[in-house]
């Protein structure tokens, strides 16, 4: 799939998944029961993961074009390494967020909300790099 075909989907995903009025995915889900909020946060996380996949694919297409244009092979491996490092950071950081949450019963929701928040930011960054 070409960069031109992937980029509109990634941009749309950012627009839909990162509403500026909200900064906490758990708060976006309202004040329902713990199960309802947990399910909502899980759904948001799934949407962010799909957007992340699309944005990464678009960034990889751009990185490959940069390498081809420059006659090098640096951009694609650098993007892959950066993504691997970012994924490790997200796992570690969000594990801490869950472990440090004041209400033990809501630690899973806090962890998933963290994954969503960091995922949204990464999608925005990858889309920016794809332009």
C-alpha atoms as a PDB file:
ATOM      1  CA  UNK A   1       0.000   0.000   0.000  1.00  0.00           C
ATOM      2  CA  UNK A   2       1.406   3.397  -0.909  1.00  0.00           C
ATOM      3  CA  UNK A   3       2.189   6.171   1.528  1.00  0.00           C
ATOM      4  CA  UNK A   4      -0.523   8.264  -0.116  1.00  0.00           C
ATOM      5  CA  UNK A   5      -3.062   5.546   0.642  1.00  0.00           C
ATOM      6  CA  UNK A   6      -2.006   4.969   4.260  1.00  0.00           C
ATOM      7  CA  UNK A   7      -1.513   8.568   5.365  1.00  0.00           C
ATOM      8  CA  UNK A   8      -5.176   9.678   5.143  1.00  0.00           C
ATOM      9  CA  UNK A   9      -6.204   6.766   7.373  1.00  0.00           C
ATOM     10  CA  UNK A  10      -3.512   7.611   9.915  1.00  0.00           C
ATOM     11  CA  UNK A  11      -4.515  11.288   9.923  1.00  0.00           C
ATOM     12  CA  UNK A  12      -8.165  10.386  10.351  1.00  0.00           C
ATOM     13  CA  UNK A  13      -7.278   8.058  13.208  1.00  0.00           C
ATOM     14  CA  UNK A  14      -5.437  10.860  14.984  1.00  0.00           C
ATOM     15  CA  UNK A  15      -8.362  13.226  14.542  1.00  0.00           C
ATOM     16  CA  UNK A  16     -10.841  10.689  15.877  1.00  0.00           C
ATOM     17  CA  UNK A  17      -8.750   9.185  18.646  1.00  0.00           C
ATOM     18  CA  UNK A  18      -7.227  12.279  20.186  1.00  0.00           C
ATOM     19  CA  UNK A  19      -9.999  14.690  21.100  1.00  0.00           C
ATOM     20  CA  UNK A  20      -8.296  17.841  22.418  1.00  0.00           C
ATOM     21  CA  UNK A  21     -10.779  18.379  25.235  1.00  0.00           C
ATOM     22  CA  UNK A  22      -9.746  15.169  26.974  1.00  0.00           C
ATOM     23  CA  UNK A  23      -6.403  14.055  28.275  1.00  0.00           C
ATOM     24  CA  UNK A  24      -7.421  10.957  30.232  1.00  0.00           C
ATOM     25  CA  UNK A  25      -9.088   8.088  28.358  1.00  0.00           C
ATOM     26  CA  UNK A  26     -10.769   6.854  31.555  1.00  0.00           C
ATOM     27  CA  UNK A  27     -12.450  10.246  31.990  1.00  0.00           C
ATOM     28  CA  UNK A  28     -13.622  10.145  28.370  1.00  0.00           C
ATOM     29  CA  UNK A  29     -15.534   6.972  29.216  1.00  0.00           C
ATOM     30  CA  UNK A  30     -17.786   8.736  31.702  1.00  0.00           C
ATOM     31  CA  UNK A  31     -18.656   7.755  35.224  1.00  0.00           C
ATOM     32  CA  UNK A  32     -20.216   4.340  34.719  1.00  0.00           C
ATOM     33  CA  UNK A  33     -19.438   1.223  36.689  1.00  0.00           C
ATOM     34  CA  UNK A  34     -15.880  -0.056  36.900  1.00  0.00           C
ATOM     35  CA  UNK A  35     -16.768  -2.744  34.344  1.00  0.00           C
ATOM     36  CA  UNK A  36     -18.290  -0.196  31.939  1.00  0.00           C
ATOM     37  CA  UNK A  37     -15.327   2.164  32.185  1.00  0.00           C
ATOM     38  CA  UNK A  38     -12.909  -0.770  31.855  1.00  0.00           C
ATOM     39  CA  UNK A  39     -14.674  -1.984  28.719  1.00  0.00           C
ATOM     40  CA  UNK A  40     -14.713   1.516  27.241  1.00  0.00           C
ATOM     41  CA  UNK A  41     -11.001   2.029  27.942  1.00  0.00           C
ATOM     42  CA  UNK A  42     -10.251  -1.375  26.383  1.00  0.00           C
ATOM     43  CA  UNK A  43     -12.204  -0.388  23.256  1.00  0.00           C
ATOM     44  CA  UNK A  44     -10.302   2.910  23.055  1.00  0.00           C
ATOM     45  CA  UNK A  45      -7.007   1.052  23.419  1.00  0.00           C
ATOM     46  CA  UNK A  46      -7.921  -1.278  20.542  1.00  0.00           C
ATOM     47  CA  UNK A  47      -8.684   1.709  18.315  1.00  0.00           C
ATOM     48  CA  UNK A  48      -5.390   3.350  19.207  1.00  0.00           C
ATOM     49  CA  UNK A  49      -3.500   0.129  18.478  1.00  0.00           C
ATOM     50  CA  UNK A  50      -5.095  -0.027  15.014  1.00  0.00           C
ATOM     51  CA  UNK A  51      -4.193   3.622  14.378  1.00  0.00           C
ATOM     52  CA  UNK A  52      -0.672   2.947  15.624  1.00  0.00           C
ATOM     53  CA  UNK A  53      -0.264   0.078  13.162  1.00  0.00           C
ATOM     54  CA  UNK A  54      -1.435   2.281  10.276  1.00  0.00           C
ATOM     55  CA  UNK A  55       0.738   5.222  11.303  1.00  0.00           C
ATOM     56  CA  UNK A  56       3.797   2.997  11.678  1.00  0.00           C
ATOM     57  CA  UNK A  57       3.214   1.536   8.213  1.00  0.00           C
ATOM     58  CA  UNK A  58       2.990   5.046   6.760  1.00  0.00           C
ATOM     59  CA  UNK A  59       6.175   6.088   8.569  1.00  0.00           C
ATOM     60  CA  UNK A  60       7.949   2.974   7.274  1.00  0.00           C
ATOM     61  CA  UNK A  61       6.962   3.858   3.699  1.00  0.00           C
ATOM     62  CA  UNK A  62       8.349   7.354   4.234  1.00  0.00           C
ATOM     63  CA  UNK A  63      11.544   5.987   5.817  1.00  0.00           C
ATOM     64  CA  UNK A  64      12.050   3.610   2.888  1.00  0.00           C
ATOM     65  CA  UNK A  65      11.605   6.513   0.466  1.00  0.00           C
ATOM     66  CA  UNK A  66      14.144   8.570   2.429  1.00  0.00           C
ATOM     67  CA  UNK A  67      16.613   5.687   2.248  1.00  0.00           C
ATOM     68  CA  UNK A  68      16.004   5.246  -1.484  1.00  0.00           C
ATOM     69  CA  UNK A  69      16.317   8.970  -2.167  1.00  0.00           C
ATOM     70  CA  UNK A  70      19.532   9.233  -0.130  1.00  0.00           C
ATOM     71  CA  UNK A  71      21.059   5.972  -1.323  1.00  0.00           C
ATOM     72  CA  UNK A  72      21.340   4.846   2.288  1.00  0.00           C
ATOM     73  CA  UNK A  73      19.893   2.255   4.601  1.00  0.00           C
ATOM     74  CA  UNK A  74      19.651   4.235   7.827  1.00  0.00           C
ATOM     75  CA  UNK A  75      16.097   5.540   8.127  1.00  0.00           C
ATOM     76  CA  UNK A  76      14.185   2.235   8.181  1.00  0.00           C
ATOM     77  CA  UNK A  77      16.394   0.557  10.823  1.00  0.00           C
ATOM     78  CA  UNK A  78      16.391   3.764  12.887  1.00  0.00           C
ATOM     79  CA  UNK A  79      12.584   3.887  12.816  1.00  0.00           C
ATOM     80  CA  UNK A  80      12.370   0.200  13.750  1.00  0.00           C
ATOM     81  CA  UNK A  81      14.795   0.717  16.646  1.00  0.00           C
ATOM     82  CA  UNK A  82      12.898   3.787  17.789  1.00  0.00           C
ATOM     83  CA  UNK A  83       9.592   1.934  17.708  1.00  0.00           C
ATOM     84  CA  UNK A  84      11.035  -0.976  19.685  1.00  0.00           C
ATOM     85  CA  UNK A  85      12.416   1.425  22.297  1.00  0.00           C
ATOM     86  CA  UNK A  86       9.117   3.317  22.474  1.00  0.00           C
ATOM     87  CA  UNK A  87       7.180   0.072  22.968  1.00  0.00           C
ATOM     88  CA  UNK A  88       9.498  -0.941  25.830  1.00  0.00           C
ATOM     89  CA  UNK A  89       9.082   2.502  27.408  1.00  0.00           C
ATOM     90  CA  UNK A  90       5.291   2.270  27.164  1.00  0.00           C
ATOM     91  CA  UNK A  91       5.243  -1.146  28.832  1.00  0.00           C
ATOM     92  CA  UNK A  92       7.499  -0.021  31.690  1.00  0.00           C
ATOM     93  CA  UNK A  93       5.920   3.381  32.223  1.00  0.00           C
ATOM     94  CA  UNK A  94       2.325   2.171  32.114  1.00  0.00           C
ATOM     95  CA  UNK A  95       3.162  -0.717  34.453  1.00  0.00           C
ATOM     96  CA  UNK A  96       4.368   1.896  36.914  1.00  0.00           C
ATOM     97  CA  UNK A  97       1.228   3.992  36.414  1.00  0.00           C
ATOM     98  CA  UNK A  98      -0.930   0.979  37.236  1.00  0.00           C
ATOM     99  CA  UNK A  99       1.193  -0.073  40.200  1.00  0.00           C
ATOM    100  CA  UNK A 100       1.171   3.455  41.627  1.00  0.00           C
ATOM    101  CA  UNK A 101      -2.573   4.013  41.197  1.00  0.00           C
ATOM    102  CA  UNK A 102      -4.224   4.975  44.469  1.00  0.00           C
ATOM    103  CA  UNK A 103      -7.175   2.586  44.035  1.00  0.00           C
ATOM    104  CA  UNK A 104      -5.940  -1.002  43.540  1.00  0.00           C
ATOM    105  CA  UNK A 105      -9.204  -2.088  41.923  1.00  0.00           C
ATOM    106  CA  UNK A 106      -8.747   0.528  39.202  1.00  0.00           C
ATOM    107  CA  UNK A 107      -5.077  -0.193  38.462  1.00  0.00           C
ATOM    108  CA  UNK A 108      -5.926  -2.081  35.262  1.00  0.00           C
ATOM    109  CA  UNK A 109      -8.013   0.820  33.982  1.00  0.00           C
ATOM    110  CA  UNK A 110      -5.184   3.250  34.801  1.00  0.00           C
ATOM    111  CA  UNK A 111      -2.678   1.042  32.972  1.00  0.00           C
ATOM    112  CA  UNK A 112      -4.862   0.774  29.867  1.00  0.00           C
ATOM    113  CA  UNK A 113      -5.619   4.501  29.899  1.00  0.00           C
ATOM    114  CA  UNK A 114      -1.852   5.098  30.002  1.00  0.00           C
ATOM    115  CA  UNK A 115      -1.356   2.813  26.971  1.00  0.00           C
ATOM    116  CA  UNK A 116      -4.021   4.794  25.119  1.00  0.00           C
ATOM    117  CA  UNK A 117      -2.592   8.183  26.062  1.00  0.00           C
ATOM    118  CA  UNK A 118       0.952   7.258  25.047  1.00  0.00           C
ATOM    119  CA  UNK A 119      -0.341   5.491  21.932  1.00  0.00           C
ATOM    120  CA  UNK A 120      -2.201   8.594  20.798  1.00  0.00           C
ATOM    121  CA  UNK A 121       0.940  10.666  21.180  1.00  0.00           C
ATOM    122  CA  UNK A 122       2.984   8.110  19.227  1.00  0.00           C
ATOM    123  CA  UNK A 123       0.421   8.043  16.410  1.00  0.00           C
ATOM    124  CA  UNK A 124       0.648  11.830  16.157  1.00  0.00           C
ATOM    125  CA  UNK A 125       4.448  11.647  16.025  1.00  0.00           C
ATOM    126  CA  UNK A 126       4.469   8.898  13.386  1.00  0.00           C
ATOM    127  CA  UNK A 127       1.970  10.797  11.247  1.00  0.00           C
ATOM    128  CA  UNK A 128       4.139  13.919  11.527  1.00  0.00           C
ATOM    129  CA  UNK A 129       7.158  11.883  10.418  1.00  0.00           C
ATOM    130  CA  UNK A 130       5.200  10.519   7.458  1.00  0.00           C
ATOM    131  CA  UNK A 131       4.635  13.931   5.896  1.00  0.00           C
END
